[in-house]
C-alpha atoms as a PDB file:
ATOM      1  CA  MET A   1      61.954  49.658 -70.164  1.00  0.00           C
ATOM      2  CA  ARG A   2      62.117  50.048 -73.941  1.00  0.00           C
ATOM      3  CA  VAL A   3      59.030  50.411 -76.144  1.00  0.00           C
ATOM      4  CA  GLY A   4      59.369  50.117 -79.902  1.00  0.00           C
ATOM      5  CA  ILE A   5      57.260  52.134 -82.347  1.00  0.00           C
ATOM      6  CA  PRO A   6      57.213  51.033 -86.001  1.00  0.00           C
ATOM      7  CA  ARG A   7      58.209  53.818 -88.404  1.00  0.00           C
ATOM      8  CA  ALA A   8      55.187  53.240 -90.641  1.00  0.00           C
ATOM      9  CA  LEU A   9      51.513  54.134 -91.189  1.00  0.00           C
ATOM     10  CA  LEU A  10      50.344  56.777 -88.680  1.00  0.00           C
ATOM     11  CA  TYR A  11      53.791  57.086 -87.129  1.00  0.00           C
ATOM     12  CA  TYR A  12      54.097  59.975 -89.572  1.00  0.00           C
ATOM     13  CA  TYR A  13      51.102  61.758 -88.011  1.00  0.00           C
ATOM     14  CA  TYR A  14      51.101  60.782 -84.362  1.00  0.00           C
ATOM     15  CA  ILE A  15      54.712  60.181 -83.345  1.00  0.00           C
ATOM     16  CA  PRO A  16      54.812  63.797 -82.033  1.00  0.00           C
ATOM     17  CA  PHE A  17      52.252  62.588 -79.469  1.00  0.00           C
ATOM     18  CA  TRP A  18      53.236  58.965 -78.889  1.00  0.00           C
ATOM     19  CA  GLN A  19      56.946  59.580 -78.281  1.00  0.00           C
ATOM     20  CA  PRO A  20      56.577  62.275 -75.568  1.00  0.00           C
ATOM     21  CA  PHE A  21      53.734  60.262 -74.031  1.00  0.00           C
ATOM     22  CA  PHE A  22      55.907  57.213 -73.421  1.00  0.00           C
ATOM     23  CA  GLU A  23      58.941  59.284 -72.487  1.00  0.00           C
ATOM     24  CA  SER A  24      56.875  61.143 -69.871  1.00  0.00           C
ATOM     25  CA  LEU A  25      56.224  57.728 -68.312  1.00  0.00           C
ATOM     26  CA  GLY A  26      59.958  57.114 -68.029  1.00  0.00           C
ATOM     27  CA  VAL A  27      59.997  54.726 -70.978  1.00  0.00           C
ATOM     28  CA  GLU A  28      62.759  54.663 -73.583  1.00  0.00           C
ATOM     29  CA  VAL A  29      61.229  54.928 -77.061  1.00  0.00           C
ATOM     30  CA  VAL A  30      62.897  52.955 -79.844  1.00  0.00           C
ATOM     31  CA  ILE A  31      61.919  53.881 -83.396  1.00  0.00           C
ATOM     32  CA  SER A  32      62.543  51.325 -86.127  1.00  0.00           C
ATOM     33  CA  ASP A  33      65.018  52.223 -88.869  1.00  0.00           C
ATOM     34  CA  GLU A  34      63.896  54.039 -91.990  1.00  0.00           C
ATOM     35  CA  THR A  35      62.137  51.845 -94.515  1.00  0.00           C
ATOM     36  CA  ASN A  36      64.511  49.946 -96.766  1.00  0.00           C
ATOM     37  CA  LYS A  37      64.366  46.983 -99.113  1.00  0.00           C
ATOM     38  CA  GLY A  38      65.099  44.521 -96.330  1.00  0.00           C
ATOM     39  CA  ILE A  39      62.229  45.781 -94.157  1.00  0.00           C
ATOM     40  CA  LEU A  40      59.851  45.708 -97.125  1.00  0.00           C
ATOM     41  CA  ASN A  41      60.890  42.188 -98.100  1.00  0.00           C
ATOM     42  CA  GLN A  42      60.439  40.971 -94.520  1.00  0.00           C
ATOM     43  CA  GLY A  43      56.957  42.482 -94.418  1.00  0.00           C
ATOM     44  CA  VAL A  44      56.020  40.871 -97.707  1.00  0.00           C
ATOM     45  CA  LYS A  45      57.290  37.530 -96.425  1.00  0.00           C
ATOM     46  CA  GLU A  46      55.223  37.622 -93.226  1.00  0.00           C
ATOM     47  CA  SER A  47      52.002  39.130 -94.619  1.00  0.00           C
ATOM     48  CA  VAL A  48      49.139  37.647 -96.587  1.00  0.00           C
ATOM     49  CA  SER A  49      49.407  38.575-100.237  1.00  0.00           C
ATOM     50  CA  GLU A  50      46.099  40.501-100.324  1.00  0.00           C
ATOM     51  CA  ILE A  51      47.231  43.116 -97.787  1.00  0.00           C
ATOM     52  CA  CYS A  52      48.296  46.495 -99.202  1.00  0.00           C
ATOM     53  CA  VAL A  53      51.959  47.534 -99.324  1.00  0.00           C
ATOM     54  CA  PRO A  54      51.771  50.095 -96.448  1.00  0.00           C
ATOM     55  CA  ILE A  55      50.553  47.327 -94.108  1.00  0.00           C
ATOM     56  CA  LYS A  56      53.298  44.995 -95.322  1.00  0.00           C
ATOM     57  CA  ILE A  57      55.830  47.727 -94.589  1.00  0.00           C
ATOM     58  CA  PHE A  58      54.401  48.100 -91.076  1.00  0.00           C
ATOM     59  CA  VAL A  59      54.803  44.354 -90.492  1.00  0.00           C
ATOM     60  CA  GLY A  60      58.417  44.601 -91.649  1.00  0.00           C
ATOM     61  CA  HIS A  61      59.062  47.423 -89.187  1.00  0.00           C
ATOM     62  CA  ALA A  62      57.477  45.441 -86.361  1.00  0.00           C
ATOM     63  CA  ARG A  63      59.739  42.508 -87.144  1.00  0.00           C
ATOM     64  CA  SER A  64      62.807  44.774 -87.213  1.00  0.00           C
ATOM     65  CA  LEU A  65      61.983  46.062 -83.716  1.00  0.00           C
ATOM     66  CA  LEU A  66      62.044  42.513 -82.358  1.00  0.00           C
ATOM     67  CA  LYS A  67      65.650  42.324 -83.479  1.00  0.00           C
ATOM     68  CA  LYS A  68      66.417  45.465 -81.457  1.00  0.00           C
ATOM     69  CA  GLY A  69      65.458  43.661 -78.259  1.00  0.00           C
ATOM     70  CA  VAL A  70      62.676  45.993 -77.137  1.00  0.00           C
ATOM     71  CA  ASP A  71      60.454  45.015 -74.213  1.00  0.00           C
ATOM     72  CA  TYR A  72      57.236  45.965 -76.005  1.00  0.00           C
ATOM     73  CA  ILE A  73      56.049  47.049 -79.435  1.00  0.00           C
ATOM     74  CA  PHE A  74      53.238  49.591 -79.574  1.00  0.00           C
ATOM     75  CA  VAL A  75      50.561  48.839 -82.196  1.00  0.00           C
ATOM     76  CA  PRO A  76      47.428  50.973 -81.665  1.00  0.00           C
ATOM     77  CA  ARG A  77      43.998  49.980 -82.927  1.00  0.00           C
ATOM     78  CA  MET A  78      42.854  53.038 -84.883  1.00  0.00           C
ATOM     79  CA  VAL A  79      39.056  53.063 -84.869  1.00  0.00           C
ATOM     80  CA  SER A  80      37.899  56.638 -85.420  1.00  0.00           C
ATOM     81  CA  ILE A  81      39.118  60.227 -85.149  1.00  0.00           C
ATOM     82  CA  TYR A  82      35.940  61.878 -86.438  1.00  0.00           C
ATOM     83  CA  SER A  83      32.379  61.343 -85.280  1.00  0.00           C
ATOM     84  CA  GLY A  84      30.564  58.907 -87.556  1.00  0.00           C
ATOM     85  CA  GLU A  85      33.680  58.048 -89.583  1.00  0.00           C
ATOM     86  CA  TYR A  86      36.002  55.089 -89.279  1.00  0.00           C
ATOM     87  CA  PHE A  87      39.427  53.941 -90.332  1.00  0.00           C
ATOM     88  CA  CYS A  88      39.976  51.276 -92.941  1.00  0.00           C
ATOM     89  CA  PRO A  89      39.420  47.797 -91.382  1.00  0.00           C
ATOM     90  CA  LYS A  90      43.129  47.092 -91.768  1.00  0.00           C
ATOM     91  CA  PHE A  91      43.863  49.871 -89.285  1.00  0.00           C
ATOM     92  CA  MET A  92      41.186  48.647 -86.912  1.00  0.00           C
ATOM     93  CA  GLY A  93      42.497  45.092 -87.071  1.00  0.00           C
ATOM     94  CA  LEU A  94      46.201  45.941 -87.162  1.00  0.00           C
ATOM     95  CA  PRO A  95      47.083  44.624 -83.668  1.00  0.00           C
ATOM     96  CA  ASP A  96      45.438  41.293 -84.495  1.00  0.00           C
ATOM     97  CA  LEU A  97      47.088  41.143 -87.897  1.00  0.00           C
ATOM     98  CA  VAL A  98      50.523  41.769 -86.384  1.00  0.00           C
ATOM     99  CA  ARG A  99      49.947  39.466 -83.400  1.00  0.00           C
ATOM    100  CA  HIS A 100      49.007  36.517 -85.615  1.00  0.00           C
ATOM    101  CA  GLY A 101      51.345  37.325 -88.499  1.00  0.00           C
ATOM    102  CA  VAL A 102      54.671  38.121 -86.852  1.00  0.00           C
ATOM    103  CA  LYS A 103      56.305  35.243 -85.018  1.00  0.00           C
ATOM    104  CA  GLU A 104      57.391  35.821 -81.407  1.00  0.00           C
ATOM    105  CA  ILE A 105      55.623  39.182 -81.095  1.00  0.00           C
ATOM    106  CA  ASP A 106      52.512  38.112 -79.167  1.00  0.00           C
ATOM    107  CA  LYS A 107      53.802  38.697 -75.621  1.00  0.00           C
ATOM    108  CA  LYS A 108      55.554  41.931 -76.604  1.00  0.00           C
ATOM    109  CA  LEU A 109      52.652  43.640 -78.329  1.00  0.00           C
ATOM    110  CA  ILE A 110      50.854  46.407 -76.433  1.00  0.00           C
ATOM    111  CA  SER A 111      47.869  48.257 -77.826  1.00  0.00           C
ATOM    112  CA  VAL A 112      45.072  50.712 -77.135  1.00  0.00           C
ATOM    113  CA  SER A 113      41.881  51.478 -79.039  1.00  0.00           C
ATOM    114  CA  ILE A 114      41.773  55.023 -80.381  1.00  0.00           C
ATOM    115  CA  ASP A 115      38.211  56.266 -80.750  1.00  0.00           C
ATOM    116  CA  ALA A 116      38.136  60.072 -80.686  1.00  0.00           C
ATOM    117  CA  LYS A 117      35.900  62.923 -81.836  1.00  0.00           C
ATOM    118  CA  ASP A 118      38.676  64.623 -83.818  1.00  0.00           C
ATOM    119  CA  ASP A 119      42.316  64.051 -84.716  1.00  0.00           C
ATOM    120  CA  ASP A 120      43.473  65.063 -81.232  1.00  0.00           C
ATOM    121  CA  ILE A 121      43.815  61.601 -79.681  1.00  0.00           C
ATOM    122  CA  SER A 122      45.322  62.762 -76.400  1.00  0.00           C
ATOM    123  CA  HIS A 123      42.444  61.958 -74.010  1.00  0.00           C
ATOM    124  CA  TYR A 124      44.057  59.941 -71.257  1.00  0.00           C
ATOM    125  CA  LYS A 125      41.248  57.395 -70.823  1.00  0.00           C
ATOM    126  CA  GLN A 126      42.223  55.743 -74.110  1.00  0.00           C
ATOM    127  CA  TYR A 127      45.672  54.959 -72.685  1.00  0.00           C
ATOM    128  CA  LEU A 128      44.711  53.672 -69.234  1.00  0.00           C
ATOM    129  CA  PRO A 129      45.018  50.005 -70.360  1.00  0.00           C
ATOM    130  CA  LEU A 130      48.781  50.613 -70.668  1.00  0.00           C
ATOM    131  CA  ALA A 131      49.196  51.482 -66.990  1.00  0.00           C
ATOM    132  CA  LYS A 132      49.363  47.911 -65.699  1.00  0.00           C
ATOM    133  CA  GLN A 133      51.558  46.686 -68.551  1.00  0.00           C
ATOM    134  CA  LEU A 134      54.070  49.503 -68.103  1.00  0.00           C
ATOM    135  CA  GLY A 135      53.983  49.395 -64.320  1.00  0.00           C
ATOM    136  CA  VAL A 136      52.766  52.974 -63.855  1.00  0.00           C
ATOM    137  CA  SER A 137      49.750  54.522 -62.152  1.00  0.00           C
ATOM    138  CA  GLU A 138      46.645  55.834 -63.892  1.00  0.00           C
ATOM    139  CA  SER A 139      47.476  59.329 -62.673  1.00  0.00           C
ATOM    140  CA  GLN A 140      50.872  59.068 -64.377  1.00  0.00           C
ATOM    141  CA  VAL A 141      49.156  58.054 -67.599  1.00  0.00           C
ATOM    142  CA  LYS A 142      46.823  61.043 -67.279  1.00  0.00           C
ATOM    143  CA  GLU A 143      49.705  63.459 -66.772  1.00  0.00           C
ATOM    144  CA  ALA A 144      51.740  61.941 -69.626  1.00  0.00           C
ATOM    145  CA  ALA A 145      48.786  62.271 -71.988  1.00  0.00           C
ATOM    146  CA  LYS A 146      48.386  65.917 -70.969  1.00  0.00           C
ATOM    147  CA  ILE A 147      52.055  66.728 -71.608  1.00  0.00           C
ATOM    148  CA  ALA A 148      52.147  64.864 -74.916  1.00  0.00           C
ATOM    149  CA  GLY A 149      48.824  66.346 -76.023  1.00  0.00           C
ATOM    150  CA  GLU A 150      50.118  69.875 -75.546  1.00  0.00           C
ATOM    151  CA  LYS A 151      53.190  69.078 -77.625  1.00  0.00           C
ATOM    152  CA  TRP A 152      51.097  67.472 -80.358  1.00  0.00           C
ATOM    153  CA  ARG A 153      48.869  70.538 -80.617  1.00  0.00           C
ATOM    154  CA  VAL A 154      51.934  72.782 -80.962  1.00  0.00           C
ATOM    155  CA  PHE A 155      53.229  70.437 -83.655  1.00  0.00           C
ATOM    156  CA  ARG A 156      49.939  70.624 -85.595  1.00  0.00           C
ATOM    157  CA  THR A 157      49.895  74.418 -85.388  1.00  0.00           C
ATOM    158  CA  ILE A 158      53.368  74.568 -86.932  1.00  0.00           C
ATOM    159  CA  ASN A 159      52.456  71.922 -89.509  1.00  0.00           C
ATOM    160  CA  LYS A 160      49.405  73.904 -90.639  1.00  0.00           C
ATOM    161  CA  MET A 161      51.610  76.946 -91.182  1.00  0.00           C
ATOM    162  CA  GLY A 162      53.121  75.146 -94.159  1.00  0.00           C
ATOM    163  CA  TYR A 163      55.961  73.214 -92.541  1.00  0.00           C
ATOM    164  CA  ILE A 164      56.281  69.547 -93.446  1.00  0.00           C
ATOM    165  CA  ILE A 165      55.867  67.051 -90.626  1.00  0.00           C
ATOM    166  CA  PRO A 166      59.627  66.391 -90.025  1.00  0.00           C
ATOM    167  CA  GLU A 167      60.267  70.157 -89.858  1.00  0.00           C
ATOM    168  CA  ALA A 168      57.349  70.742 -87.494  1.00  0.00           C
ATOM    169  CA  MET A 169      58.478  67.905 -85.209  1.00  0.00           C
ATOM    170  CA  LYS A 170      61.945  69.457 -84.784  1.00  0.00           C
ATOM    171  CA  MET A 171      60.511  72.867 -83.896  1.00  0.00           C
ATOM    172  CA  VAL A 172      58.105  71.802 -81.130  1.00  0.00           C
ATOM    173  CA  ASP A 173      60.673  72.074 -78.327  1.00  0.00           C
ATOM    174  CA  THR A 174      62.684  75.018 -79.698  1.00  0.00           C
ATOM    175  CA  LYS A 175      62.328  78.772 -79.241  1.00  0.00           C
ATOM    176  CA  GLN A 176      62.390  79.069 -83.025  1.00  0.00           C
ATOM    177  CA  ARG A 177      58.687  78.196 -83.135  1.00  0.00           C
ATOM    178  CA  LEU A 178      57.800  81.435 -81.344  1.00  0.00           C
ATOM    179  CA  ASN A 179      58.812  83.527 -84.361  1.00  0.00           C
ATOM    180  CA  LEU A 180      57.412  81.354 -87.128  1.00  0.00           C
ATOM    181  CA  VAL A 181      55.308  82.832 -89.912  1.00  0.00           C
ATOM    182  CA  PRO A 182      53.193  80.952 -92.487  1.00  0.00           C
ATOM    183  CA  LYS A 183      55.505  79.361 -95.042  1.00  0.00           C
ATOM    184  CA  HIS A 184      54.356  80.443 -98.484  1.00  0.00           C
ATOM    185  CA  ASP A 185      56.503  82.203-101.096  1.00  0.00           C
ATOM    186  CA  ARG A 186      54.252  83.531-103.848  1.00  0.00           C
ATOM    187  CA  ASN A 187      57.252  83.910-106.157  1.00  0.00           C
ATOM    188  CA  LYS A 188      57.790  80.162-106.320  1.00  0.00           C
ATOM    189  CA  ILE A 189      56.012  77.419-108.235  1.00  0.00           C
ATOM    190  CA  ARG A 190      53.582  75.759-105.822  1.00  0.00           C
ATOM    191  CA  LEU A 191      52.437  72.159-106.184  1.00  0.00           C
ATOM    192  CA  GLY A 192      49.876  70.077-104.372  1.00  0.00           C
ATOM    193  CA  LEU A 193      51.550  66.846-103.221  1.00  0.00           C
ATOM    194  CA  MET A 194      48.812  64.226-102.990  1.00  0.00           C
ATOM    195  CA  GLY A 195      48.991  61.093-100.898  1.00  0.00           C
ATOM    196  CA  TYR A 196      48.611  59.613 -97.438  1.00  0.00           C
ATOM    197  CA  VAL A 197      51.089  60.697 -94.759  1.00  0.00           C
ATOM    198  CA  TYR A 198      52.725  57.269 -94.702  1.00  0.00           C
ATOM    199  CA  ASN A 199      53.474  57.528 -98.417  1.00  0.00           C
ATOM    200  CA  ILE A 200      54.349  61.227 -98.643  1.00  0.00           C
ATOM    201  CA  TYR A 201      56.766  61.171 -95.720  1.00  0.00           C
ATOM    202  CA  ASP A 202      58.461  57.795 -96.175  1.00  0.00           C
ATOM    203  CA  PRO A 203      61.551  58.493 -98.369  1.00  0.00           C
ATOM    204  CA  PHE A 204      61.819  54.872 -99.516  1.00  0.00           C
ATOM    205  CA  VAL A 205      58.174  54.656-100.579  1.00  0.00           C
ATOM    206  CA  ASN A 206      58.038  58.036-102.328  1.00  0.00           C
ATOM    207  CA  MET A 207      61.515  57.770-103.866  1.00  0.00           C
ATOM    208  CA  ASN A 208      62.579  60.825-101.877  1.00  0.00           C
ATOM    209  CA  ILE A 209      60.133  63.142-103.647  1.00  0.00           C
ATOM    210  CA  ILE A 210      60.227  65.817-100.928  1.00  0.00           C
ATOM    211  CA  GLU A 211      63.988  66.305-101.176  1.00  0.00           C
ATOM    212  CA  LYS A 212      63.781  66.342-104.967  1.00  0.00           C
ATOM    213  CA  LEU A 213      61.186  69.129-104.878  1.00  0.00           C
ATOM    214  CA  LYS A 214      63.351  71.102-102.464  1.00  0.00           C
ATOM    215  CA  GLU A 215      66.350  70.741-104.759  1.00  0.00           C
ATOM    216  CA  LEU A 216      64.245  72.174-107.582  1.00  0.00           C
ATOM    217  CA  ASP A 217      63.202  75.056-105.301  1.00  0.00           C
ATOM    218  CA  ILE A 218      59.542  74.113-105.736  1.00  0.00           C
ATOM    219  CA  GLU A 219      57.108  74.872-102.928  1.00  0.00           C
ATOM    220  CA  PHE A 220      54.471  72.275-102.169  1.00  0.00           C
ATOM    221  CA  ILE A 221      51.507  71.724 -99.896  1.00  0.00           C
ATOM    222  CA  THR A 222      50.286  68.462 -98.395  1.00  0.00           C
ATOM    223  CA  PHE A 223      46.869  67.685 -96.918  1.00  0.00           C
ATOM    224  CA  ASP A 224      48.138  67.758 -93.339  1.00  0.00           C
ATOM    225  CA  MET A 225      48.899  71.470 -93.790  1.00  0.00           C
ATOM    226  CA  ILE A 226      45.238  72.275 -94.486  1.00  0.00           C
ATOM    227  CA  GLU A 227      42.615  73.077 -91.856  1.00  0.00           C
ATOM    228  CA  GLU A 228      40.057  70.311 -91.385  1.00  0.00           C
ATOM    229  CA  ASN A 229      37.050  72.594 -91.965  1.00  0.00           C
ATOM    230  CA  GLU A 230      38.551  73.684 -95.287  1.00  0.00           C
ATOM    231  CA  LEU A 231      39.012  70.083 -96.361  1.00  0.00           C
ATOM    232  CA  ARG A 232      35.444  69.216 -95.490  1.00  0.00           C
ATOM    233  CA  GLU A 233      34.049  72.281 -97.219  1.00  0.00           C
ATOM    234  CA  ASN A 234      35.425  70.908-100.468  1.00  0.00           C
ATOM    235  CA  ILE A 235      33.600  67.575-100.290  1.00  0.00           C
ATOM    236  CA  LYS A 236      30.095  68.942 -99.858  1.00  0.00           C
ATOM    237  CA  HIS A 237      29.383  68.387-103.542  1.00  0.00           C
ATOM    238  CA  LEU A 238      30.048  64.634-103.361  1.00  0.00           C
ATOM    239  CA  LYS A 239      26.944  62.467-103.664  1.00  0.00           C
ATOM    240  CA  LYS A 240      27.923  60.276-100.707  1.00  0.00           C
ATOM    241  CA  PRO A 241      30.584  60.270 -97.964  1.00  0.00           C
ATOM    242  CA  LEU A 242      33.920  58.638 -98.671  1.00  0.00           C
ATOM    243  CA  PHE A 243      34.403  55.291 -96.998  1.00  0.00           C
ATOM    244  CA  TRP A 244      37.361  55.680 -94.663  1.00  0.00           C
ATOM    245  CA  THR A 245      39.105  58.395 -92.660  1.00  0.00           C
ATOM    246  CA  PHE A 246      41.985  59.943 -94.643  1.00  0.00           C
ATOM    247  CA  SER A 247      40.434  58.793 -97.933  1.00  0.00           C
ATOM    248  CA  MET A 248      39.298  62.331 -98.612  1.00  0.00           C
ATOM    249  CA  THR A 249      42.532  64.080 -97.809  1.00  0.00           C
ATOM    250  CA  PRO A 250      44.384  63.869-101.146  1.00  0.00           C
ATOM    251  CA  ARG A 251      41.457  65.494-102.996  1.00  0.00           C
ATOM    252  CA  PHE A 252      41.515  69.056-101.730  1.00  0.00           C
ATOM    253  CA  LEU A 253      44.873  70.555-102.528  1.00  0.00           C
ATOM    254  CA  PHE A 254      43.815  72.919-105.255  1.00  0.00           C
END
């Protein structure tokens, strides 16, 4: 069985969990190609004009996975990862948007509702609806979530040490991670790179900004490298809470 995961939106934050989760269930994971002009154009074509570009890109990736002949395409409904806070409605309605917007995807779309107390979304009960669709037992889902959750927590530990998400992902299953030290050279220029994960880490969207900074030997920090309590400490002065999860994250890099 082959399950496709669109390389867009929270792929750049949760693929270190989703991929080992499905693989632990004996499922082959197929990731869509990197964003390109063709994928963007396809997403624009199949989306309503009012939807933001990141959602259009996601639709384009979903369409591209259909062409790869996958059995299912995983589109989670992201509701909340912090108590009392919620994702933008476009994240909450993403499975419906894709189901009704992308032709021929309806029977191949699988989804779960993610409603967690923090950004660790590994609790197995959220993934039990997949058991019947994937032909596995609930105990297998529980074990897969445990394995994937452990890997995701290792990934986040490395990420918070100053390693960008692609670097942290590669180190999760290597012995190299055991000797890692926080990545911060005080002799270099250090910039705060502001933006959502799906913009910062998509080379097509950001015009390859990360590689350009590396070529200039400039160190940078992104919001995902910062501890959550530190981020929240810096919004106490705001008169009211920000509307959606992740809306606050680009504001606390300095």
